[in-house]
Amino acid sequence: MNGLGTAAADVAPAMVDVRGRATQVLRKGTGDPVLYLHSATGETWWNDFDEALVGAGFDVIHPAHPGYDASEGLADIDDVHDLAFHTLDLLDALGLERLAVVGSSMGGWLAAELAVYAPERVTHLVLVDAAGIGSPNVDMWAVPPPELG
């Protein structure tokens, strides 16, 4: 395992309809659900971190944000707030009411926004080097995140 892009043959992407837009989701495991939100560099593949969470007994949900891999809907996303509401719609489509949320960089910012908009749905919040928080003068959306990587 290389730590970044462990190819797990048994974790095939599924496409989930989110308000008429396809969202790519990787999912594996049983137990309490954990949502992993990737950074703007787009680590949309199943990785060692995901596998460690599965090994710890969690149901890991790893979506690709709109514009990444096969996920559609980037034209509908103007800022992190739109992305947060898209993600809440994804949770609805997956039938997930309450879960832990882990976010890295831009995904950390998104995770924090989810906790603000829907605190009743977030059981635990882990922010890994969250971007955007506390930096209101930085426009991370000047370049669409998929083009940053």
N, C-alpha and C. Protein backbone atom coordinates (compact mmCIF):
# COMPACT_ATOMS: atom_id res chain seq x y z
N MET A 1 0.85 -1.19 0.00
CA MET A 1 0.00 0.00 0.00
C MET A 1 0.88 1.24 0.00
N ASN A 2 0.52 2.22 -0.81
CA ASN A 2 1.35 3.41 -0.92
C ASN A 2 0.83 4.59 -0.11
N GLY A 3 -0.30 4.46 0.57
CA GLY A 3 -0.81 5.54 1.41
C GLY A 3 -1.71 6.51 0.69
N LEU A 4 -1.60 6.58 -0.63
CA LEU A 4 -2.39 7.56 -1.35
C LEU A 4 -3.49 6.93 -2.17
N GLY A 5 -3.14 6.03 -3.04
CA GLY A 5 -4.13 5.53 -3.98
C GLY A 5 -4.30 4.03 -3.96
N THR A 6 -4.53 3.47 -2.81
CA THR A 6 -4.75 2.04 -2.73
C THR A 6 -5.92 1.67 -3.62
N ALA A 7 -5.66 0.82 -4.58
CA ALA A 7 -6.75 0.37 -5.45
C ALA A 7 -7.43 -0.81 -4.79
N ALA A 8 -8.64 -0.61 -4.33
CA ALA A 8 -9.40 -1.69 -3.71
C ALA A 8 -10.38 -2.22 -4.75
N ALA A 9 -10.11 -3.43 -5.22
CA ALA A 9 -10.93 -4.01 -6.28
C ALA A 9 -12.39 -4.17 -5.85
N ASP A 10 -12.62 -4.30 -4.55
CA ASP A 10 -13.99 -4.52 -4.10
C ASP A 10 -14.73 -3.22 -3.80
N VAL A 11 -14.13 -2.08 -4.11
CA VAL A 11 -14.80 -0.79 -3.88
C VAL A 11 -15.01 -0.14 -5.25
N ALA A 12 -16.12 -0.48 -5.86
CA ALA A 12 -16.45 0.07 -7.18
C ALA A 12 -17.30 1.32 -7.00
N PRO A 13 -17.09 2.32 -7.84
CA PRO A 13 -17.92 3.53 -7.73
C PRO A 13 -19.37 3.24 -8.08
N ALA A 14 -20.26 3.83 -7.30
CA ALA A 14 -21.69 3.79 -7.60
C ALA A 14 -22.10 5.20 -7.97
N MET A 15 -23.09 5.33 -8.82
CA MET A 15 -23.61 6.63 -9.19
C MET A 15 -24.93 6.84 -8.46
N VAL A 16 -25.02 7.97 -7.75
CA VAL A 16 -26.21 8.30 -6.97
C VAL A 16 -26.85 9.54 -7.58
N ASP A 17 -28.16 9.48 -7.82
CA ASP A 17 -28.88 10.63 -8.37
C ASP A 17 -29.12 11.64 -7.25
N VAL A 18 -28.60 12.85 -7.45
CA VAL A 18 -28.80 13.95 -6.50
C VAL A 18 -29.47 15.08 -7.26
N ARG A 19 -30.80 15.14 -7.13
CA ARG A 19 -31.59 16.17 -7.81
C ARG A 19 -31.29 16.23 -9.31
N GLY A 20 -31.24 15.06 -9.93
CA GLY A 20 -31.05 14.98 -11.37
C GLY A 20 -29.61 15.03 -11.83
N ARG A 21 -28.67 15.06 -10.91
CA ARG A 21 -27.24 15.06 -11.24
C ARG A 21 -26.59 13.82 -10.64
N ALA A 22 -25.78 13.14 -11.43
CA ALA A 22 -25.10 11.94 -10.95
C ALA A 22 -23.92 12.33 -10.06
N THR A 23 -23.81 11.66 -8.91
CA THR A 23 -22.68 11.85 -8.01
C THR A 23 -22.02 10.50 -7.79
N GLN A 24 -20.71 10.46 -8.02
CA GLN A 24 -19.95 9.23 -7.83
C GLN A 24 -19.68 9.03 -6.34
N VAL A 25 -19.95 7.82 -5.85
CA VAL A 25 -19.76 7.51 -4.43
C VAL A 25 -19.05 6.17 -4.30
N LEU A 26 -17.99 6.16 -3.50
CA LEU A 26 -17.34 4.92 -3.08
C LEU A 26 -17.85 4.62 -1.68
N ARG A 27 -18.16 3.35 -1.41
CA ARG A 27 -18.70 3.01 -0.09
C ARG A 27 -18.32 1.59 0.27
N LYS A 28 -17.92 1.43 1.53
CA LYS A 28 -17.54 0.10 2.01
C LYS A 28 -17.63 0.09 3.52
N GLY A 29 -17.97 -1.05 4.07
CA GLY A 29 -17.95 -1.23 5.51
C GLY A 29 -19.32 -1.38 6.12
N THR A 30 -19.31 -1.63 7.40
CA THR A 30 -20.53 -1.76 8.18
C THR A 30 -20.34 -0.96 9.45
N GLY A 31 -21.40 -0.75 10.16
CA GLY A 31 -21.30 0.01 11.41
C GLY A 31 -21.75 1.44 11.21
N ASP A 32 -21.34 2.31 12.11
CA ASP A 32 -21.73 3.71 12.03
C ASP A 32 -21.15 4.36 10.78
N PRO A 33 -21.94 5.19 10.10
CA PRO A 33 -21.46 5.82 8.87
C PRO A 33 -20.49 6.97 9.12
N VAL A 34 -19.49 7.07 8.26
CA VAL A 34 -18.52 8.16 8.25
C VAL A 34 -18.45 8.70 6.82
N LEU A 35 -18.67 9.99 6.67
CA LEU A 35 -18.57 10.66 5.37
C LEU A 35 -17.19 11.28 5.25
N TYR A 36 -16.44 10.91 4.20
CA TYR A 36 -15.13 11.51 3.94
C TYR A 36 -15.27 12.49 2.78
N LEU A 37 -14.89 13.76 3.02
CA LEU A 37 -14.98 14.81 2.01
C LEU A 37 -13.58 15.20 1.57
N HIS A 38 -13.29 15.01 0.30
CA HIS A 38 -11.94 15.21 -0.23
C HIS A 38 -11.59 16.68 -0.44
N SER A 39 -10.31 16.92 -0.65
CA SER A 39 -9.78 18.28 -0.87
C SER A 39 -9.98 18.71 -2.32
N ALA A 40 -9.57 19.93 -2.62
CA ALA A 40 -9.67 20.47 -3.98
C ALA A 40 -8.74 19.75 -4.94
N THR A 41 -7.72 19.07 -4.42
CA THR A 41 -6.84 18.33 -5.32
C THR A 41 -7.49 17.05 -5.82
N GLY A 42 -8.59 16.66 -5.18
CA GLY A 42 -9.44 15.61 -5.74
C GLY A 42 -9.04 14.18 -5.49
N GLU A 43 -8.72 13.83 -4.25
CA GLU A 43 -8.42 12.42 -3.94
C GLU A 43 -9.73 11.65 -3.86
N THR A 44 -10.25 11.31 -5.03
CA THR A 44 -11.55 10.66 -5.16
C THR A 44 -11.43 9.14 -5.18
N TRP A 45 -10.24 8.63 -5.07
CA TRP A 45 -10.03 7.19 -5.08
C TRP A 45 -10.09 6.66 -3.65
N TRP A 46 -10.36 5.36 -3.53
CA TRP A 46 -10.34 4.68 -2.23
C TRP A 46 -8.91 4.66 -1.75
N ASN A 47 -8.67 5.06 -0.51
CA ASN A 47 -7.30 5.18 -0.03
C ASN A 47 -7.10 4.46 1.30
N ASP A 48 -5.88 4.49 1.79
CA ASP A 48 -5.54 3.79 3.02
C ASP A 48 -6.31 4.33 4.23
N PHE A 49 -6.59 5.62 4.24
CA PHE A 49 -7.36 6.22 5.33
C PHE A 49 -8.77 5.63 5.35
N ASP A 50 -9.41 5.55 4.16
CA ASP A 50 -10.73 4.95 4.07
C ASP A 50 -10.69 3.51 4.59
N GLU A 51 -9.69 2.78 4.14
CA GLU A 51 -9.58 1.36 4.52
C GLU A 51 -9.36 1.21 6.02
N ALA A 52 -8.60 2.11 6.63
CA ALA A 52 -8.38 2.07 8.08
C ALA A 52 -9.70 2.31 8.83
N LEU A 53 -10.53 3.21 8.33
CA LEU A 53 -11.83 3.45 8.96
C LEU A 53 -12.73 2.22 8.83
N VAL A 54 -12.69 1.57 7.68
CA VAL A 54 -13.46 0.33 7.50
C VAL A 54 -12.95 -0.72 8.49
N GLY A 55 -11.63 -0.82 8.62
CA GLY A 55 -11.03 -1.78 9.55
C GLY A 55 -11.40 -1.50 11.00
N ALA A 56 -11.71 -0.24 11.30
CA ALA A 56 -12.12 0.14 12.66
C ALA A 56 -13.62 -0.07 12.88
N GLY A 57 -14.31 -0.57 11.86
CA GLY A 57 -15.71 -0.92 12.02
C GLY A 57 -16.70 0.12 11.55
N PHE A 58 -16.30 0.99 10.62
CA PHE A 58 -17.19 2.02 10.12
C PHE A 58 -17.67 1.73 8.70
N ASP A 59 -18.81 2.30 8.36
CA ASP A 59 -19.36 2.32 7.00
C ASP A 59 -18.87 3.62 6.38
N VAL A 60 -17.91 3.54 5.47
CA VAL A 60 -17.27 4.73 4.91
C VAL A 60 -17.92 5.11 3.59
N ILE A 61 -18.33 6.37 3.51
CA ILE A 61 -18.94 6.94 2.30
C ILE A 61 -17.98 8.00 1.78
N HIS A 62 -17.49 7.83 0.56
CA HIS A 62 -16.46 8.71 -0.01
C HIS A 62 -16.96 9.21 -1.37
N PRO A 63 -17.70 10.33 -1.38
CA PRO A 63 -18.20 10.86 -2.66
C PRO A 63 -17.14 11.71 -3.38
N ALA A 64 -17.33 11.84 -4.68
CA ALA A 64 -16.56 12.79 -5.48
C ALA A 64 -17.43 14.03 -5.63
N HIS A 65 -16.89 15.19 -5.27
CA HIS A 65 -17.65 16.44 -5.39
C HIS A 65 -17.99 16.71 -6.86
N PRO A 66 -19.03 17.51 -7.12
CA PRO A 66 -19.38 17.86 -8.51
C PRO A 66 -18.16 18.39 -9.27
N GLY A 67 -17.98 17.86 -10.48
CA GLY A 67 -16.85 18.26 -11.32
C GLY A 67 -15.65 17.35 -11.20
N TYR A 68 -15.65 16.45 -10.24
CA TYR A 68 -14.55 15.50 -10.04
C TYR A 68 -14.98 14.13 -10.55
N ASP A 69 -14.05 13.44 -11.20
CA ASP A 69 -14.32 12.11 -11.76
C ASP A 69 -15.64 12.13 -12.51
N ALA A 70 -16.57 11.25 -12.17
CA ALA A 70 -17.82 11.15 -12.93
C ALA A 70 -18.96 11.97 -12.33
N SER A 71 -18.68 12.74 -11.27
CA SER A 71 -19.75 13.51 -10.63
C SER A 71 -20.14 14.73 -11.46
N GLU A 72 -21.43 14.90 -11.61
CA GLU A 72 -21.97 16.01 -12.39
C GLU A 72 -22.41 17.16 -11.48
N GLY A 73 -22.75 18.29 -12.10
CA GLY A 73 -23.37 19.39 -11.38
C GLY A 73 -22.47 20.55 -11.02
N LEU A 74 -21.24 20.59 -11.53
CA LEU A 74 -20.34 21.68 -11.19
C LEU A 74 -20.91 23.04 -11.59
N ALA A 75 -21.64 23.11 -12.68
CA ALA A 75 -22.21 24.38 -13.12
C ALA A 75 -23.19 24.97 -12.11
N ASP A 76 -23.72 24.11 -11.23
CA ASP A 76 -24.67 24.55 -10.21
C ASP A 76 -23.99 24.99 -8.91
N ILE A 77 -22.67 24.87 -8.84
CA ILE A 77 -21.92 25.16 -7.62
C ILE A 77 -21.14 26.45 -7.79
N ASP A 78 -21.55 27.49 -7.04
CA ASP A 78 -20.85 28.77 -7.11
C ASP A 78 -19.94 29.02 -5.91
N ASP A 79 -20.17 28.31 -4.81
CA ASP A 79 -19.37 28.52 -3.61
C ASP A 79 -19.53 27.33 -2.68
N VAL A 80 -18.85 27.38 -1.55
CA VAL A 80 -18.88 26.27 -0.60
C VAL A 80 -20.28 26.05 -0.04
N HIS A 81 -21.10 27.09 0.00
CA HIS A 81 -22.46 26.94 0.51
C HIS A 81 -23.29 26.06 -0.44
N ASP A 82 -23.16 26.30 -1.74
CA ASP A 82 -23.84 25.44 -2.72
C ASP A 82 -23.37 23.99 -2.58
N LEU A 83 -22.07 23.82 -2.38
CA LEU A 83 -21.52 22.48 -2.24
C LEU A 83 -22.05 21.81 -0.97
N ALA A 84 -22.23 22.59 0.09
CA ALA A 84 -22.79 22.04 1.33
C ALA A 84 -24.22 21.56 1.10
N PHE A 85 -25.04 22.35 0.42
CA PHE A 85 -26.41 21.93 0.17
C PHE A 85 -26.48 20.74 -0.78
N HIS A 86 -25.56 20.69 -1.76
CA HIS A 86 -25.48 19.50 -2.62
C HIS A 86 -25.17 18.27 -1.76
N THR A 87 -24.25 18.40 -0.83
CA THR A 87 -23.85 17.28 0.01
C THR A 87 -24.99 16.85 0.92
N LEU A 88 -25.75 17.81 1.45
CA LEU A 88 -26.93 17.45 2.25
C LEU A 88 -27.95 16.71 1.39
N ASP A 89 -28.11 17.14 0.15
CA ASP A 89 -29.01 16.42 -0.77
C ASP A 89 -28.49 15.01 -1.03
N LEU A 90 -27.18 14.85 -1.14
CA LEU A 90 -26.58 13.52 -1.32
C LEU A 90 -26.91 12.64 -0.11
N LEU A 91 -26.76 13.19 1.08
CA LEU A 91 -27.08 12.42 2.29
C LEU A 91 -28.54 11.98 2.27
N ASP A 92 -29.42 12.88 1.85
CA ASP A 92 -30.84 12.52 1.72
C ASP A 92 -31.02 11.37 0.73
N ALA A 93 -30.35 11.47 -0.42
CA ALA A 93 -30.47 10.43 -1.46
C ALA A 93 -29.96 9.08 -0.96
N LEU A 94 -28.98 9.11 -0.06
CA LEU A 94 -28.42 7.87 0.50
C LEU A 94 -29.18 7.40 1.74
N GLY A 95 -30.14 8.21 2.19
CA GLY A 95 -30.91 7.84 3.37
C GLY A 95 -30.13 7.95 4.67
N LEU A 96 -29.16 8.84 4.72
CA LEU A 96 -28.32 9.02 5.90
C LEU A 96 -28.79 10.23 6.71
N GLU A 97 -29.26 9.98 7.91
CA GLU A 97 -29.77 11.05 8.76
C GLU A 97 -28.69 11.67 9.64
N ARG A 98 -27.88 10.80 10.27
CA ARG A 98 -26.84 11.27 11.22
C ARG A 98 -25.57 10.48 10.96
N LEU A 99 -24.44 11.17 10.94
CA LEU A 99 -23.18 10.50 10.68
C LEU A 99 -22.02 11.37 11.10
N ALA A 100 -20.87 10.74 11.23
CA ALA A 100 -19.63 11.46 11.46
C ALA A 100 -19.14 12.00 10.12
N VAL A 101 -18.48 13.16 10.16
CA VAL A 101 -17.99 13.78 8.93
C VAL A 101 -16.51 14.11 9.11
N VAL A 102 -15.70 13.67 8.13
CA VAL A 102 -14.27 13.95 8.09
C VAL A 102 -14.00 14.71 6.81
N GLY A 103 -13.31 15.85 6.90
CA GLY A 103 -13.00 16.61 5.70
C GLY A 103 -11.56 17.06 5.68
N SER A 104 -10.95 16.99 4.50
CA SER A 104 -9.57 17.40 4.31
C SER A 104 -9.50 18.65 3.45
N SER A 105 -8.80 19.69 3.94
CA SER A 105 -8.60 20.94 3.22
C SER A 105 -9.95 21.54 2.81
N MET A 106 -10.23 21.64 1.50
CA MET A 106 -11.53 22.16 1.08
C MET A 106 -12.66 21.30 1.65
N GLY A 107 -12.43 20.00 1.73
CA GLY A 107 -13.41 19.10 2.33
C GLY A 107 -13.63 19.40 3.81
N GLY A 108 -12.59 19.89 4.49
CA GLY A 108 -12.74 20.30 5.88
C GLY A 108 -13.62 21.52 6.01
N TRP A 109 -13.42 22.46 5.10
CA TRP A 109 -14.28 23.65 5.07
C TRP A 109 -15.72 23.22 4.82
N LEU A 110 -15.91 22.33 3.86
CA LEU A 110 -17.24 21.82 3.55
C LEU A 110 -17.84 21.11 4.76
N ALA A 111 -17.05 20.29 5.45
CA ALA A 111 -17.53 19.58 6.63
C ALA A 111 -18.00 20.57 7.70
N ALA A 112 -17.24 21.64 7.90
CA ALA A 112 -17.63 22.66 8.88
C ALA A 112 -18.94 23.32 8.48
N GLU A 113 -19.12 23.59 7.19
CA GLU A 113 -20.36 24.19 6.71
C GLU A 113 -21.55 23.25 6.95
N LEU A 114 -21.34 21.94 6.73
CA LEU A 114 -22.40 20.97 6.99
C LEU A 114 -22.82 21.03 8.46
N ALA A 115 -21.83 21.14 9.34
CA ALA A 115 -22.12 21.21 10.77
C ALA A 115 -22.86 22.49 11.14
N VAL A 116 -22.64 23.56 10.39
CA VAL A 116 -23.36 24.82 10.63
C VAL A 116 -24.79 24.72 10.12
N TYR A 117 -24.96 24.23 8.90
CA TYR A 117 -26.29 24.18 8.28
C TYR A 117 -27.17 23.07 8.85
N ALA A 118 -26.57 21.96 9.27
CA ALA A 118 -27.36 20.83 9.74
C ALA A 118 -26.68 20.15 10.94
N PRO A 119 -26.52 20.87 12.05
CA PRO A 119 -25.81 20.29 13.20
C PRO A 119 -26.47 19.02 13.74
N GLU A 120 -27.76 18.89 13.55
CA GLU A 120 -28.46 17.70 14.02
C GLU A 120 -28.09 16.45 13.24
N ARG A 121 -27.41 16.61 12.10
CA ARG A 121 -27.04 15.46 11.27
C ARG A 121 -25.59 15.03 11.49
N VAL A 122 -24.79 15.87 12.14
CA VAL A 122 -23.36 15.60 12.31
C VAL A 122 -23.09 15.12 13.73
N THR A 123 -22.73 13.85 13.86
CA THR A 123 -22.46 13.29 15.19
C THR A 123 -21.05 13.61 15.67
N HIS A 124 -20.11 13.61 14.75
CA HIS A 124 -18.71 13.92 15.05
C HIS A 124 -18.16 14.68 13.86
N LEU A 125 -17.22 15.59 14.13
CA LEU A 125 -16.65 16.42 13.07
C LEU A 125 -15.14 16.40 13.19
N VAL A 126 -14.46 16.00 12.10
CA VAL A 126 -13.00 15.98 12.07
C VAL A 126 -12.56 16.85 10.89
N LEU A 127 -11.81 17.91 11.18
CA LEU A 127 -11.31 18.81 10.15
C LEU A 127 -9.80 18.61 10.03
N VAL A 128 -9.35 18.25 8.84
CA VAL A 128 -7.94 18.01 8.58
C VAL A 128 -7.41 19.14 7.72
N ASP A 129 -6.64 20.04 8.33
CA ASP A 129 -6.06 21.18 7.61
C ASP A 129 -7.11 21.91 6.77
N ALA A 130 -8.23 22.23 7.43
CA ALA A 130 -9.37 22.84 6.73
C ALA A 130 -8.99 24.18 6.10
N ALA A 131 -9.25 24.31 4.82
CA ALA A 131 -9.00 25.55 4.09
C ALA A 131 -10.23 26.45 4.20
N GLY A 132 -10.02 27.74 3.99
CA GLY A 132 -11.14 28.67 3.89
C GLY A 132 -11.67 29.19 5.20
N ILE A 133 -11.61 28.40 6.25
CA ILE A 133 -12.14 28.83 7.54
C ILE A 133 -11.26 29.94 8.10
N GLY A 134 -11.89 31.04 8.45
CA GLY A 134 -11.14 32.16 9.01
C GLY A 134 -10.40 33.00 7.99
N SER A 135 -10.61 32.73 6.72
CA SER A 135 -9.94 33.49 5.65
C SER A 135 -10.98 34.05 4.69
N PRO A 136 -11.82 34.98 5.17
CA PRO A 136 -12.91 35.46 4.31
C PRO A 136 -12.44 36.22 3.08
N ASN A 137 -11.19 36.66 3.04
CA ASN A 137 -10.70 37.42 1.88
C ASN A 137 -10.11 36.53 0.80
N VAL A 138 -10.03 35.24 1.04
CA VAL A 138 -9.49 34.31 0.06
C VAL A 138 -10.66 33.75 -0.75
N ASP A 139 -10.61 33.92 -2.06
CA ASP A 139 -11.67 33.40 -2.92
C ASP A 139 -11.21 32.09 -3.55
N MET A 140 -11.47 31.00 -2.84
CA MET A 140 -11.08 29.69 -3.36
C MET A 140 -11.89 29.31 -4.59
N TRP A 141 -12.97 30.03 -4.85
CA TRP A 141 -13.85 29.69 -5.96
C TRP A 141 -13.55 30.53 -7.20
N ALA A 142 -12.47 31.35 -7.17
CA ALA A 142 -12.10 32.11 -8.35
C ALA A 142 -11.75 31.16 -9.50
N VAL A 143 -11.16 30.03 -9.15
CA VAL A 143 -10.90 28.95 -10.09
C VAL A 143 -11.69 27.75 -9.57
N PRO A 144 -12.55 27.15 -10.38
CA PRO A 144 -13.31 25.99 -9.90
C PRO A 144 -12.37 24.93 -9.33
N PRO A 145 -12.68 24.39 -8.13
CA PRO A 145 -11.78 23.44 -7.49
C PRO A 145 -11.26 22.31 -8.37
N PRO A 146 -12.06 21.70 -9.26
CA PRO A 146 -11.48 20.64 -10.08
C PRO A 146 -10.31 21.10 -10.95
N GLU A 147 -10.23 22.39 -11.25
CA GLU A 147 -9.15 22.90 -12.08
C GLU A 147 -7.90 23.23 -11.27
N LEU A 148 -7.99 23.18 -9.91
CA LEU A 148 -6.85 23.49 -9.07
C LEU A 148 -5.82 22.37 -9.06
N GLY A 149 -6.30 21.12 -9.19
CA GLY A 149 -5.41 19.94 -9.10
C GLY A 149 -4.64 19.81 -10.34
